[in-house]
N, C-alpha and C. Protein backbone atom coordinates (compact mmCIF):
# COMPACT_ATOMS: atom_id res chain seq x y z
N MET A 1 -162.66 69.57 -85.82
CA MET A 1 -161.69 70.04 -86.98
C MET A 1 -162.24 69.85 -88.16
N GLY A 2 -162.23 71.25 -89.45
CA GLY A 2 -163.31 71.71 -89.77
C GLY A 2 -163.19 70.98 -91.42
N ASN A 3 -163.74 70.88 -92.56
CA ASN A 3 -163.26 70.32 -93.60
C ASN A 3 -162.46 70.83 -94.60
N GLU A 4 -161.41 71.76 -94.51
CA GLU A 4 -160.06 71.79 -94.67
C GLU A 4 -159.45 71.00 -94.30
N ALA A 5 -158.14 70.39 -94.81
CA ALA A 5 -156.97 69.84 -94.84
C ALA A 5 -156.14 70.66 -94.22
N ARG A 6 -155.39 70.33 -92.65
CA ARG A 6 -154.55 71.21 -92.51
C ARG A 6 -152.90 71.85 -93.25
N PHE A 7 -152.84 70.56 -94.32
CA PHE A 7 -151.83 71.05 -95.20
C PHE A 7 -152.15 70.32 -96.87
N ASP A 8 -151.48 71.05 -97.26
CA ASP A 8 -151.68 70.63 -98.63
C ASP A 8 -150.75 70.14 -99.56
N LEU A 9 -150.76 68.68 -99.70
CA LEU A 9 -149.23 68.29 -100.44
C LEU A 9 -148.60 68.86 -101.85
N PHE A 10 -149.96 69.49 -102.17
CA PHE A 10 -149.42 69.84 -103.61
C PHE A 10 -149.13 71.73 -103.59
N GLU A 11 -149.32 72.28 -102.71
CA GLU A 11 -148.77 73.19 -103.01
C GLU A 11 -147.56 73.73 -102.43
N ASN A 12 -147.24 72.86 -101.76
CA ASN A 12 -145.60 73.23 -101.47
C ASN A 12 -144.94 72.21 -102.08
N ASP A 13 -143.62 73.18 -102.75
CA ASP A 13 -143.07 72.52 -103.54
C ASP A 13 -142.26 70.83 -103.72
N LEU A 14 -141.59 70.91 -102.63
CA LEU A 14 -141.08 70.27 -101.88
C LEU A 14 -142.07 68.47 -101.67
N ALA A 15 -143.33 69.08 -101.27
CA ALA A 15 -144.18 67.86 -100.92
C ALA A 15 -144.86 67.82 -101.83
N ALA A 16 -145.01 68.14 -103.17
CA ALA A 16 -145.58 68.17 -104.28
C ALA A 16 -144.62 67.49 -105.49
N ARG A 17 -143.60 67.56 -105.36
CA ARG A 17 -142.19 66.73 -106.29
C ARG A 17 -142.50 64.98 -105.26
N PHE A 18 -142.46 65.43 -103.87
CA PHE A 18 -142.59 63.67 -103.49
C PHE A 18 -143.82 63.09 -103.89
N ALA A 19 -144.85 63.95 -103.95
CA ALA A 19 -146.39 63.24 -104.39
C ALA A 19 -146.20 62.72 -105.61
N LYS A 20 -145.90 63.66 -106.60
CA LYS A 20 -145.25 63.19 -107.61
C LYS A 20 -144.81 61.79 -107.79
N ARG A 21 -143.95 61.98 -107.42
CA ARG A 21 -142.85 60.19 -107.21
C ARG A 21 -143.63 59.72 -106.48
N PHE A 22 -143.90 59.51 -105.74
CA PHE A 22 -145.12 58.68 -104.50
C PHE A 22 -146.04 58.13 -105.70
N ALA A 23 -147.23 58.98 -106.32
CA ALA A 23 -148.01 58.25 -106.91
C ALA A 23 -147.43 57.62 -108.28
N GLY A 24 -146.49 58.01 -108.65
CA GLY A 24 -145.71 57.11 -109.63
C GLY A 24 -145.27 55.49 -109.01
N THR A 25 -145.27 55.24 -108.15
CA THR A 25 -145.00 54.49 -107.97
C THR A 25 -146.09 53.15 -107.70
N ALA A 26 -147.13 53.81 -107.84
CA ALA A 26 -148.61 52.75 -107.79
C ALA A 26 -148.04 52.49 -109.67
N LEU A 27 -147.89 53.29 -110.65
CA LEU A 27 -147.87 52.86 -111.99
C LEU A 27 -147.43 51.08 -111.81
N VAL A 28 -146.18 51.06 -111.34
CA VAL A 28 -145.69 49.57 -111.27
C VAL A 28 -146.90 48.25 -111.02
N ILE A 29 -147.69 48.72 -109.60
CA ILE A 29 -148.55 47.75 -109.11
C ILE A 29 -149.67 47.82 -110.56
N GLN A 30 -150.24 49.19 -111.07
CA GLN A 30 -151.32 49.01 -111.53
C GLN A 30 -151.06 48.55 -112.97
N GLN A 31 -149.69 48.20 -113.55
CA GLN A 31 -149.28 47.69 -114.21
C GLN A 31 -148.94 46.08 -114.38
N SER A 32 -149.88 45.71 -113.40
CA SER A 32 -148.76 43.73 -113.19
C SER A 32 -150.67 43.53 -113.45
N SER A 33 -149.65 42.10 -113.50
CA SER A 33 -151.79 41.13 -113.58
C SER A 33 -152.58 41.30 -112.58
N LEU A 34 -152.08 41.94 -111.34
CA LEU A 34 -153.13 42.08 -110.27
C LEU A 34 -154.29 42.95 -110.97
N PRO A 35 -155.71 41.93 -110.69
CA PRO A 35 -156.77 42.75 -110.90
C PRO A 35 -157.01 44.16 -110.31
N LYS A 36 -157.73 45.15 -111.41
CA LYS A 36 -157.51 46.16 -110.60
C LYS A 36 -158.72 46.56 -109.17
N SER A 37 -159.68 45.51 -109.28
CA SER A 37 -160.04 45.37 -108.50
C SER A 37 -160.18 45.15 -106.85
N LEU A 38 -158.90 44.03 -107.26
CA LEU A 38 -158.59 43.34 -105.70
C LEU A 38 -157.03 44.67 -105.27
N GLN A 39 -157.01 45.09 -106.47
CA GLN A 39 -155.99 46.36 -106.02
C GLN A 39 -156.58 47.64 -104.90
N GLU A 40 -158.05 47.63 -105.70
CA GLU A 40 -158.91 48.16 -104.89
C GLU A 40 -159.31 47.90 -103.57
N LEU A 41 -159.88 46.90 -103.20
CA LEU A 41 -160.17 46.02 -102.20
C LEU A 41 -159.19 46.04 -100.85
N VAL A 42 -157.82 46.08 -101.67
CA VAL A 42 -156.77 45.68 -100.82
C VAL A 42 -156.41 47.01 -100.15
N SER A 43 -156.70 47.97 -100.72
CA SER A 43 -156.42 49.21 -100.15
C SER A 43 -157.79 50.10 -99.83
N LEU A 44 -158.69 49.55 -99.91
CA LEU A 44 -159.84 49.92 -99.07
C LEU A 44 -159.48 49.29 -97.82
N ARG A 45 -159.06 48.17 -97.64
CA ARG A 45 -158.92 47.48 -96.18
C ARG A 45 -158.20 47.98 -95.77
N ALA A 46 -156.90 48.28 -96.14
CA ALA A 46 -156.01 49.07 -95.21
C ALA A 46 -156.53 50.37 -95.09
N SER A 47 -156.97 51.22 -95.62
CA SER A 47 -157.79 52.42 -95.46
C SER A 47 -158.74 52.19 -94.04
N GLN A 48 -159.42 51.18 -93.95
CA GLN A 48 -160.66 51.32 -93.11
C GLN A 48 -160.31 51.17 -91.71
N VAL A 49 -158.89 49.79 -91.84
CA VAL A 49 -158.27 50.05 -90.48
C VAL A 49 -157.29 51.24 -90.20
N ASN A 50 -156.88 51.82 -91.01
CA ASN A 50 -156.32 52.87 -90.75
C ASN A 50 -157.16 53.82 -90.56
N GLY A 51 -158.46 54.39 -90.48
CA GLY A 51 -159.25 55.42 -90.30
C GLY A 51 -158.76 56.45 -91.47
N CYS A 52 -158.67 56.54 -92.55
CA CYS A 52 -158.38 57.23 -93.22
C CYS A 52 -159.67 57.34 -94.70
N GLY A 53 -160.11 58.55 -94.08
CA GLY A 53 -161.76 58.83 -94.79
C GLY A 53 -161.46 59.24 -96.08
N HIS A 54 -160.03 60.03 -96.50
CA HIS A 54 -159.58 60.53 -97.80
C HIS A 54 -159.61 59.05 -98.74
N CYS A 55 -158.97 58.21 -98.13
CA CYS A 55 -158.39 57.07 -99.05
C CYS A 55 -159.54 55.90 -98.71
N VAL A 56 -160.30 56.10 -98.21
CA VAL A 56 -161.68 55.26 -98.08
C VAL A 56 -162.73 55.99 -99.45
N ASP A 57 -162.79 57.45 -99.14
CA ASP A 57 -163.58 57.90 -100.39
C ASP A 57 -163.24 57.18 -101.39
N MET A 58 -161.89 57.39 -102.03
CA MET A 58 -161.10 57.28 -103.10
C MET A 58 -161.47 55.36 -103.76
N HIS A 59 -160.94 54.70 -102.82
CA HIS A 59 -160.81 53.32 -103.03
C HIS A 59 -162.49 52.28 -103.43
N VAL A 60 -163.10 53.29 -102.57
CA VAL A 60 -164.46 52.68 -102.47
C VAL A 60 -165.18 53.08 -104.31
N LYS A 61 -164.64 54.60 -104.04
CA LYS A 61 -165.31 54.88 -105.79
C LYS A 61 -164.13 54.25 -106.88
N GLU A 62 -162.99 54.21 -106.46
CA GLU A 62 -162.47 53.05 -107.75
C GLU A 62 -162.68 51.92 -108.19
N ALA A 63 -163.01 51.16 -107.00
CA ALA A 63 -163.41 49.93 -106.60
C ALA A 63 -164.60 49.97 -107.95
N ALA A 64 -165.53 50.49 -107.13
CA ALA A 64 -167.03 50.68 -108.16
C ALA A 64 -166.56 51.20 -109.93
N ALA A 65 -165.89 52.22 -109.94
CA ALA A 65 -165.43 52.15 -111.38
C ALA A 65 -164.62 50.94 -112.10
N ALA A 66 -164.30 50.12 -111.22
CA ALA A 66 -163.64 48.65 -111.41
C ALA A 66 -164.46 47.89 -112.02
N GLY A 67 -165.85 48.38 -111.24
CA GLY A 67 -166.67 46.65 -111.85
C GLY A 67 -166.95 46.30 -110.19
N GLU A 68 -166.82 46.40 -109.06
CA GLU A 68 -167.25 45.86 -107.55
C GLU A 68 -168.35 46.54 -107.37
N SER A 69 -169.43 45.36 -106.83
CA SER A 69 -170.53 45.90 -106.24
C SER A 69 -170.97 46.55 -105.50
N ALA A 70 -172.02 47.18 -105.41
CA ALA A 70 -172.07 48.11 -103.30
C ALA A 70 -171.77 46.60 -102.69
N VAL A 71 -172.79 45.60 -102.69
CA VAL A 71 -173.29 44.62 -101.54
C VAL A 71 -171.10 44.36 -101.25
N ARG A 72 -170.58 44.23 -102.68
CA ARG A 72 -169.09 43.61 -102.01
C ARG A 72 -168.21 44.77 -101.13
N LEU A 73 -168.42 45.91 -101.62
CA LEU A 73 -167.41 47.16 -101.24
C LEU A 73 -168.23 47.23 -99.98
N GLY A 74 -169.48 47.28 -99.88
CA GLY A 74 -170.16 47.26 -97.96
C GLY A 74 -169.83 46.11 -97.21
N LEU A 75 -169.02 45.41 -97.66
CA LEU A 75 -168.84 43.89 -97.15
C LEU A 75 -167.21 43.85 -96.31
N VAL A 76 -166.85 44.41 -97.29
CA VAL A 76 -165.25 44.42 -97.11
C VAL A 76 -164.12 44.41 -95.62
N ALA A 77 -165.36 45.55 -95.13
CA ALA A 77 -164.97 45.65 -93.51
C ALA A 77 -164.98 44.76 -93.08
N THR A 78 -166.01 43.43 -93.39
CA THR A 78 -166.19 42.36 -92.50
C THR A 78 -166.33 40.96 -93.50
N TRP A 79 -165.21 40.98 -94.07
CA TRP A 79 -164.95 40.31 -95.08
C TRP A 79 -164.55 38.31 -94.88
N ARG A 80 -164.56 38.73 -93.26
CA ARG A 80 -164.77 37.29 -92.69
C ARG A 80 -165.83 36.32 -92.11
N GLU A 81 -166.48 37.76 -92.39
CA GLU A 81 -168.22 36.82 -92.09
C GLU A 81 -169.07 37.05 -92.74
N SER A 82 -168.55 36.85 -94.48
CA SER A 82 -169.28 37.21 -95.64
C SER A 82 -168.97 36.31 -96.61
N THR A 83 -169.81 35.90 -97.57
CA THR A 83 -169.54 35.10 -98.61
C THR A 83 -169.46 35.48 -100.19
N VAL A 84 -169.42 36.58 -100.00
CA VAL A 84 -169.33 37.49 -101.50
C VAL A 84 -167.91 37.28 -101.88
N PHE A 85 -166.92 36.68 -101.02
CA PHE A 85 -165.20 36.84 -101.60
C PHE A 85 -164.67 35.65 -101.83
N THR A 86 -163.76 35.57 -102.72
CA THR A 86 -162.91 34.17 -103.24
C THR A 86 -162.14 33.78 -102.07
N ASP A 87 -161.73 32.78 -102.24
CA ASP A 87 -160.56 32.31 -101.40
C ASP A 87 -159.59 33.18 -101.45
N ALA A 88 -159.03 33.70 -102.70
CA ALA A 88 -157.97 34.27 -102.99
C ALA A 88 -158.15 35.92 -102.70
N GLU A 89 -159.21 36.51 -102.51
CA GLU A 89 -159.09 37.26 -102.45
C GLU A 89 -159.46 37.77 -100.83
N ARG A 90 -159.86 36.50 -99.73
CA ARG A 90 -159.99 36.68 -98.31
C ARG A 90 -158.18 36.32 -98.35
N ALA A 91 -157.42 35.40 -99.00
CA ALA A 91 -155.85 35.82 -98.55
C ALA A 91 -155.12 37.30 -98.66
N ALA A 92 -155.99 38.02 -99.81
CA ALA A 92 -155.38 39.25 -100.06
C ALA A 92 -156.03 40.20 -99.07
N LEU A 93 -157.11 40.09 -98.94
CA LEU A 93 -157.31 41.05 -97.64
C LEU A 93 -157.05 40.29 -96.04
N ALA A 94 -156.86 39.20 -95.96
CA ALA A 94 -155.91 39.00 -94.61
C ALA A 94 -154.85 39.52 -94.57
N LEU A 95 -154.35 39.65 -95.84
CA LEU A 95 -152.44 39.83 -95.68
C LEU A 95 -152.28 41.61 -95.79
N ALA A 96 -153.38 42.08 -96.41
CA ALA A 96 -154.10 43.86 -96.16
C ALA A 96 -154.01 44.33 -94.46
N GLU A 97 -154.86 43.35 -93.54
CA GLU A 97 -154.84 43.20 -92.58
C GLU A 97 -153.83 43.54 -91.48
N GLU A 98 -152.89 41.98 -91.50
CA GLU A 98 -151.94 41.79 -90.95
C GLU A 98 -151.05 42.64 -91.46
N GLY A 99 -150.78 42.91 -92.63
CA GLY A 99 -149.56 43.62 -92.94
C GLY A 99 -149.55 45.37 -92.42
N THR A 100 -151.14 45.93 -92.66
CA THR A 100 -151.67 47.24 -91.67
C THR A 100 -151.40 47.23 -89.89
N ARG A 101 -151.72 46.08 -89.43
CA ARG A 101 -151.66 45.68 -88.26
C ARG A 101 -150.66 45.44 -87.77
N LEU A 102 -149.55 46.04 -87.86
CA LEU A 102 -148.13 44.80 -87.68
C LEU A 102 -147.28 45.29 -85.86
N ALA A 103 -147.90 46.32 -85.66
CA ALA A 103 -147.63 46.99 -84.02
C ALA A 103 -149.09 45.65 -83.06
N ASP A 104 -149.99 45.40 -83.93
CA ASP A 104 -151.47 44.78 -83.30
C ASP A 104 -150.71 43.55 -83.29
N ALA A 105 -149.86 42.83 -83.90
CA ALA A 105 -149.79 41.61 -84.11
C ALA A 105 -148.43 41.19 -83.35
N HIS A 106 -147.68 41.68 -83.22
CA HIS A 106 -146.59 42.00 -82.85
C HIS A 106 -145.48 40.69 -83.62
N ARG A 107 -146.17 40.33 -84.72
CA ARG A 107 -145.24 39.16 -85.47
C ARG A 107 -145.46 39.44 -87.20
N GLY A 108 -145.91 40.96 -87.44
CA GLY A 108 -146.42 40.72 -88.73
C GLY A 108 -147.32 39.97 -89.19
N VAL A 109 -146.52 39.44 -90.65
CA VAL A 109 -147.87 38.61 -91.18
C VAL A 109 -147.99 37.16 -90.46
N SER A 110 -149.09 36.61 -90.34
CA SER A 110 -149.05 35.21 -89.83
C SER A 110 -148.21 34.43 -90.76
N ASP A 111 -147.92 32.61 -90.57
CA ASP A 111 -147.00 31.65 -91.46
C ASP A 111 -148.60 31.59 -92.34
N GLU A 112 -149.43 31.28 -91.71
CA GLU A 112 -151.06 30.89 -92.19
C GLU A 112 -151.46 31.76 -93.20
N THR A 113 -151.24 33.05 -92.88
CA THR A 113 -151.98 34.02 -94.11
C THR A 113 -150.96 34.08 -95.07
N TRP A 114 -149.61 34.42 -94.85
CA TRP A 114 -148.43 33.98 -96.02
C TRP A 114 -149.00 32.47 -96.88
N SER A 115 -148.89 31.74 -96.40
CA SER A 115 -149.31 30.33 -96.69
C SER A 115 -150.79 30.29 -98.01
N GLN A 116 -151.71 30.71 -97.52
CA GLN A 116 -152.73 31.29 -98.20
C GLN A 116 -152.86 31.73 -99.15
N VAL A 117 -152.11 33.16 -99.19
CA VAL A 117 -151.46 34.39 -100.06
C VAL A 117 -150.97 33.66 -101.24
N ARG A 118 -149.73 32.64 -100.73
CA ARG A 118 -148.61 31.92 -101.69
C ARG A 118 -149.38 30.75 -102.56
N GLU A 119 -150.64 30.54 -102.03
CA GLU A 119 -151.03 29.07 -102.25
C GLU A 119 -152.15 29.40 -103.38
N HIS A 120 -152.46 31.07 -103.93
CA HIS A 120 -153.04 31.85 -104.42
C HIS A 120 -152.49 32.79 -105.49
N PHE A 121 -151.40 32.76 -105.27
CA PHE A 121 -150.83 33.93 -106.61
C PHE A 121 -149.23 33.66 -106.54
N ASP A 122 -148.96 34.24 -107.85
CA ASP A 122 -147.59 33.75 -108.37
C ASP A 122 -146.48 34.77 -107.45
N ASP A 123 -144.96 34.06 -107.76
CA ASP A 123 -144.73 35.32 -107.22
C ASP A 123 -144.67 37.06 -107.74
N ASP A 124 -144.71 37.01 -108.91
CA ASP A 124 -145.17 38.80 -109.40
C ASP A 124 -146.75 39.05 -108.84
N LEU A 125 -147.70 38.25 -108.82
CA LEU A 125 -148.60 38.55 -108.30
C LEU A 125 -148.40 38.84 -106.65
N THR A 126 -147.78 37.78 -105.91
CA THR A 126 -147.42 38.18 -104.33
C THR A 126 -146.35 39.47 -104.15
N ALA A 127 -145.42 39.90 -104.93
CA ALA A 127 -145.26 40.97 -105.01
C ALA A 127 -145.90 42.63 -105.15
N ALA A 128 -146.70 41.94 -106.47
CA ALA A 128 -147.74 43.56 -106.08
C ALA A 128 -148.55 43.36 -104.96
N LEU A 129 -149.09 42.48 -104.00
CA LEU A 129 -149.76 42.28 -103.15
C LEU A 129 -149.10 43.06 -102.29
N VAL A 130 -147.75 43.07 -102.00
CA VAL A 130 -146.92 43.42 -100.90
C VAL A 130 -146.48 44.34 -100.89
N CYS A 131 -146.36 44.94 -102.28
CA CYS A 131 -146.05 46.54 -102.59
C CYS A 131 -147.42 47.25 -102.60
N GLN A 132 -148.73 47.02 -102.65
CA GLN A 132 -149.68 47.71 -102.69
C GLN A 132 -150.12 47.89 -101.17
N VAL A 133 -149.70 46.56 -100.21
CA VAL A 133 -150.35 46.93 -98.96
C VAL A 133 -149.45 47.61 -98.47
N ALA A 134 -147.73 48.13 -98.82
CA ALA A 134 -147.33 48.90 -98.35
C ALA A 134 -147.09 50.22 -98.70
N LEU A 135 -147.59 50.35 -99.85
CA LEU A 135 -148.08 51.72 -100.83
C LEU A 135 -148.96 52.66 -100.03
N ILE A 136 -150.03 51.36 -100.00
CA ILE A 136 -151.29 52.05 -99.05
C ILE A 136 -151.30 53.05 -97.92
N ASN A 137 -150.89 51.82 -96.72
CA ASN A 137 -150.02 52.22 -95.71
C ASN A 137 -149.51 53.27 -95.88
N ALA A 138 -148.25 53.96 -96.53
CA ALA A 138 -147.47 54.89 -96.82
C ALA A 138 -148.43 55.94 -97.01
N ALA A 139 -149.49 55.82 -97.86
CA ALA A 139 -150.45 56.92 -98.58
C ALA A 139 -151.61 57.21 -97.47
N ASN A 140 -151.61 56.22 -96.54
CA ASN A 140 -153.16 56.39 -95.53
C ASN A 140 -152.82 57.26 -94.51
N ARG A 141 -150.79 57.02 -94.19
CA ARG A 141 -150.47 57.76 -93.08
C ARG A 141 -150.14 59.31 -93.56
N LEU A 142 -149.82 59.46 -95.02
CA LEU A 142 -149.60 61.23 -95.76
C LEU A 142 -151.10 61.32 -95.70
N ALA A 143 -152.27 60.93 -95.72
CA ALA A 143 -153.45 61.41 -96.08
C ALA A 143 -154.00 61.74 -94.66
N VAL A 144 -153.62 61.25 -93.52
CA VAL A 144 -154.29 61.59 -92.00
C VAL A 144 -153.31 62.15 -91.58
N ILE A 145 -152.08 62.21 -91.68
CA ILE A 145 -151.28 63.13 -90.67
C ILE A 145 -151.44 64.56 -91.36
N THR A 146 -151.93 64.74 -92.23
CA THR A 146 -152.04 66.28 -93.30
C THR A 146 -153.57 66.84 -93.41
N GLY A 147 -154.15 65.93 -92.85
CA GLY A 147 -155.56 65.93 -92.32
C GLY A 147 -156.59 66.25 -93.62
N GLN A 148 -156.26 65.02 -94.58
CA GLN A 148 -157.30 64.83 -95.68
C GLN A 148 -158.61 64.39 -95.58
N LYS A 149 -159.50 65.24 -96.40
CA LYS A 149 -160.65 64.56 -96.01
C LYS A 149 -161.15 63.51 -97.06
N GLY A 150 -162.22 63.08 -96.56
CA GLY A 150 -162.91 62.23 -97.09
C GLY A 150 -164.54 62.53 -98.24
N GLY A 151 -165.08 62.12 -99.16
CA GLY A 151 -166.29 62.67 -99.45
C GLY A 151 -166.21 63.70 -100.64
N SER A 152 -165.18 64.15 -101.11
CA SER A 152 -164.91 64.43 -102.52
C SER A 152 -163.94 64.08 -103.58
N TYR A 153 -163.78 62.94 -103.39
CA TYR A 153 -162.74 62.07 -104.45
C TYR A 153 -163.17 62.23 -105.94
N GLU A 154 -162.83 62.46 -106.69
CA GLU A 154 -163.62 61.65 -108.03
C GLU A 154 -162.55 60.79 -108.90
N VAL A 155 -163.17 60.00 -109.22
CA VAL A 155 -162.50 58.61 -109.54
C VAL A 155 -161.27 59.22 -110.84
N GLY A 156 -160.37 58.43 -110.80
CA GLY A 156 -159.19 59.13 -111.57
C GLY A 156 -158.28 60.09 -111.16
N ALA A 157 -158.46 61.04 -110.32
CA ALA A 157 -157.98 62.27 -110.22
C ALA A 157 -156.57 62.48 -109.74
N PHE A 158 -155.59 61.52 -109.46
CA PHE A 158 -154.55 61.22 -109.17
C PHE A 158 -153.72 60.63 -110.34
N ALA A 159 -154.44 60.15 -111.67
CA ALA A 159 -154.14 60.21 -112.85
C ALA A 159 -153.32 61.04 -113.17
N GLY A 160 -152.97 62.44 -112.94
CA GLY A 160 -152.28 63.47 -114.35
C GLY A 160 -150.51 63.54 -113.09
N PHE A 161 -150.56 62.59 -111.75
CA PHE A 161 -149.63 63.04 -110.89
C PHE A 161 -148.50 62.04 -111.08
N ARG A 162 -148.69 60.76 -111.86
CA ARG A 162 -148.44 59.67 -112.00
C ARG A 162 -147.33 59.94 -113.14
N GLY A 163 -146.26 59.21 -112.82
CA GLY A 163 -144.96 58.80 -114.29
C GLY A 163 -144.29 60.10 -114.05
């Protein structure tokens, strides 16, 4: 496959209206007290699991802009074997993985992971995490299905589509 996406969601009227509203839903999470860097780590991990190059590119760059280090970004895929993540971040990354690999687990999110999430996050932060996992998985599918490519994302590129 070449460098061009197979379908431009912003060139089709129906798809552009959907994409604008879809991007707007992210504002609820962005305006929550869930740290921006954690939002990006969760999105990055789900995007890695889903093999979405466009979203990996986006969330690496957005996470770096939010203050994440290159070391931590490089270790997201191997967070279980890394020492650079807090227990709360580990719980969020486990939720991202299990919430992304629903068919693989045959049971969804484990009770152990859910308990870890609840240990570290209050109701609002838990809601933000659950919504973030759902949102990024939908975004991954939109990007993969339409053949969006990674490598050219610029930080803040979708800010104008929200609202």
